Amino acid sequence: MALGDGARIAAPGQSYGALSPLPIAALRLEDQVVAQLNRLGLRQIGDLLGQPRASLARRFGRGLVSRLDQAMGSLVKISD
């Protein structure tokens, strides 16, 4: 679904498919976190969605998991 400002909302149940091909930088993470993830070969959001959440949080901080939750629609607002 398109919104007036050019933003898009994925249809129910389609978030994974819509987000998976996007670059990790689309999550608006710190540059150093994006660089670390890229060095590990994790370049797209879909690469992260299949990873254990506890491991991601432990290694890259809770902010990464919060951004994933926010992108998937399970977390409405996070503190930056």
C-alpha atoms as a PDB file:
ATOM      1  CA  MET A   1       0.000   0.000   0.000  1.00  0.00           C
ATOM      2  CA  ALA A   2       1.372   3.452  -0.866  1.00  0.00           C
ATOM      3  CA  LEU A   3       1.061   6.468   1.399  1.00  0.00           C
ATOM      4  CA  GLY A   4       0.922  10.075   0.265  1.00  0.00           C
ATOM      5  CA  ASP A   5       4.561  10.827   1.107  1.00  0.00           C
ATOM      6  CA  GLY A   6       5.945   7.939  -0.962  1.00  0.00           C
ATOM      7  CA  ALA A   7       6.208   5.554   2.002  1.00  0.00           C
ATOM      8  CA  ARG A   8       4.897   2.044   1.580  1.00  0.00           C
ATOM      9  CA  ILE A   9       3.240  -0.397   3.933  1.00  0.00           C
ATOM     10  CA  ALA A  10       3.511  -4.115   3.269  1.00  0.00           C
ATOM     11  CA  ALA A  11       0.291  -6.080   3.156  1.00  0.00           C
ATOM     12  CA  PRO A  12      -0.397  -8.243   6.219  1.00  0.00           C
ATOM     13  CA  GLY A  13       1.929 -11.224   6.236  1.00  0.00           C
ATOM     14  CA  GLN A  14       4.199  -9.726   3.560  1.00  0.00           C
ATOM     15  CA  SER A  15       6.698  -7.809   5.720  1.00  0.00           C
ATOM     16  CA  TYR A  16       9.422 -10.461   5.532  1.00  0.00           C
ATOM     17  CA  GLY A  17       9.353 -10.556   1.747  1.00  0.00           C
ATOM     18  CA  ALA A  18       9.207  -6.781   1.437  1.00  0.00           C
ATOM     19  CA  LEU A  19      12.090  -6.149   3.850  1.00  0.00           C
ATOM     20  CA  SER A  20      14.404  -9.070   3.072  1.00  0.00           C
ATOM     21  CA  PRO A  21      16.083  -7.619  -0.048  1.00  0.00           C
ATOM     22  CA  LEU A  22      16.692  -4.187   1.486  1.00  0.00           C
ATOM     23  CA  PRO A  23      20.214  -3.255   2.598  1.00  0.00           C
ATOM     24  CA  ILE A  24      20.922  -3.381   6.323  1.00  0.00           C
ATOM     25  CA  ALA A  25      21.626   0.361   6.227  1.00  0.00           C
ATOM     26  CA  ALA A  26      17.865   0.858   5.683  1.00  0.00           C
ATOM     27  CA  LEU A  27      17.434   0.009   9.374  1.00  0.00           C
ATOM     28  CA  ARG A  28      19.170   3.299  10.258  1.00  0.00           C
ATOM     29  CA  LEU A  29      21.814   1.623  12.396  1.00  0.00           C
ATOM     30  CA  GLU A  30      25.110   3.182  13.423  1.00  0.00           C
ATOM     31  CA  ASP A  31      27.685   3.105  10.621  1.00  0.00           C
ATOM     32  CA  GLN A  32      30.052   0.927  12.651  1.00  0.00           C
ATOM     33  CA  VAL A  33      27.342  -1.710  13.206  1.00  0.00           C
ATOM     34  CA  VAL A  34      26.523  -1.770   9.485  1.00  0.00           C
ATOM     35  CA  ALA A  35      30.245  -2.136   8.692  1.00  0.00           C
ATOM     36  CA  GLN A  36      30.639  -5.021  11.177  1.00  0.00           C
ATOM     37  CA  LEU A  37      27.617  -6.822   9.754  1.00  0.00           C
ATOM     38  CA  ASN A  38      28.876  -6.325   6.200  1.00  0.00           C
ATOM     39  CA  ARG A  39      32.284  -7.768   7.113  1.00  0.00           C
ATOM     40  CA  LEU A  40      30.453 -10.881   8.290  1.00  0.00           C
ATOM     41  CA  GLY A  41      28.654 -11.131   4.952  1.00  0.00           C
ATOM     42  CA  LEU A  42      25.344  -9.887   6.338  1.00  0.00           C
ATOM     43  CA  ARG A  43      24.263  -7.257   3.816  1.00  0.00           C
ATOM     44  CA  GLN A  44      20.501  -7.491   3.525  1.00  0.00           C
ATOM     45  CA  ILE A  45      17.782  -7.340   6.163  1.00  0.00           C
ATOM     46  CA  GLY A  46      16.809 -10.892   5.236  1.00  0.00           C
ATOM     47  CA  ASP A  47      20.290 -12.026   6.279  1.00  0.00           C
ATOM     48  CA  LEU A  48      19.505 -10.818   9.808  1.00  0.00           C
ATOM     49  CA  LEU A  49      15.931 -12.040  10.104  1.00  0.00           C
ATOM     50  CA  GLY A  50      17.047 -15.676  10.187  1.00  0.00           C
ATOM     51  CA  GLN A  51      19.704 -15.133  12.852  1.00  0.00           C
ATOM     52  CA  PRO A  52      19.148 -15.878  16.571  1.00  0.00           C
ATOM     53  CA  ARG A  53      17.968 -12.650  18.188  1.00  0.00           C
ATOM     54  CA  ALA A  54      19.853 -13.173  21.443  1.00  0.00           C
ATOM     55  CA  SER A  55      23.134 -13.562  19.551  1.00  0.00           C
ATOM     56  CA  LEU A  56      22.489 -10.422  17.484  1.00  0.00           C
ATOM     57  CA  ALA A  57      21.674  -8.409  20.609  1.00  0.00           C
ATOM     58  CA  ARG A  58      24.714  -9.725  22.474  1.00  0.00           C
ATOM     59  CA  ARG A  59      27.135  -9.024  19.640  1.00  0.00           C
ATOM     60  CA  PHE A  60      25.721  -5.841  18.102  1.00  0.00           C
ATOM     61  CA  GLY A  61      23.533  -4.340  20.822  1.00  0.00           C
ATOM     62  CA  ARG A  62      19.836  -4.301  21.603  1.00  0.00           C
ATOM     63  CA  GLY A  63      19.361  -1.433  19.126  1.00  0.00           C
ATOM     64  CA  LEU A  64      19.790  -3.805  16.192  1.00  0.00           C
ATOM     65  CA  VAL A  65      17.062  -6.145  17.421  1.00  0.00           C
ATOM     66  CA  SER A  66      14.811  -3.177  18.210  1.00  0.00           C
ATOM     67  CA  ARG A  67      15.248  -1.823  14.682  1.00  0.00           C
ATOM     68  CA  LEU A  68      14.379  -5.230  13.239  1.00  0.00           C
ATOM     69  CA  ASP A  69      11.272  -5.390  15.434  1.00  0.00           C
ATOM     70  CA  GLN A  70      10.300  -1.883  14.397  1.00  0.00           C
ATOM     71  CA  ALA A  71      10.749  -2.690  10.697  1.00  0.00           C
ATOM     72  CA  MET A  72       8.643  -5.832  11.045  1.00  0.00           C
ATOM     73  CA  GLY A  73       5.903  -3.858  12.802  1.00  0.00           C
ATOM     74  CA  SER A  74       6.152  -5.559  16.154  1.00  0.00           C
ATOM     75  CA  LEU A  75       7.638  -2.506  17.892  1.00  0.00           C
ATOM     76  CA  VAL A  76       6.075   0.855  17.246  1.00  0.00           C
ATOM     77  CA  LYS A  77       8.642   3.220  18.761  1.00  0.00           C
ATOM     78  CA  ILE A  78      12.133   2.873  20.154  1.00  0.00           C
ATOM     79  CA  SER A  79      14.399   5.279  21.955  1.00  0.00           C
ATOM     80  CA  ASP A  80      17.461   6.306  19.949  1.00  0.00           C
END
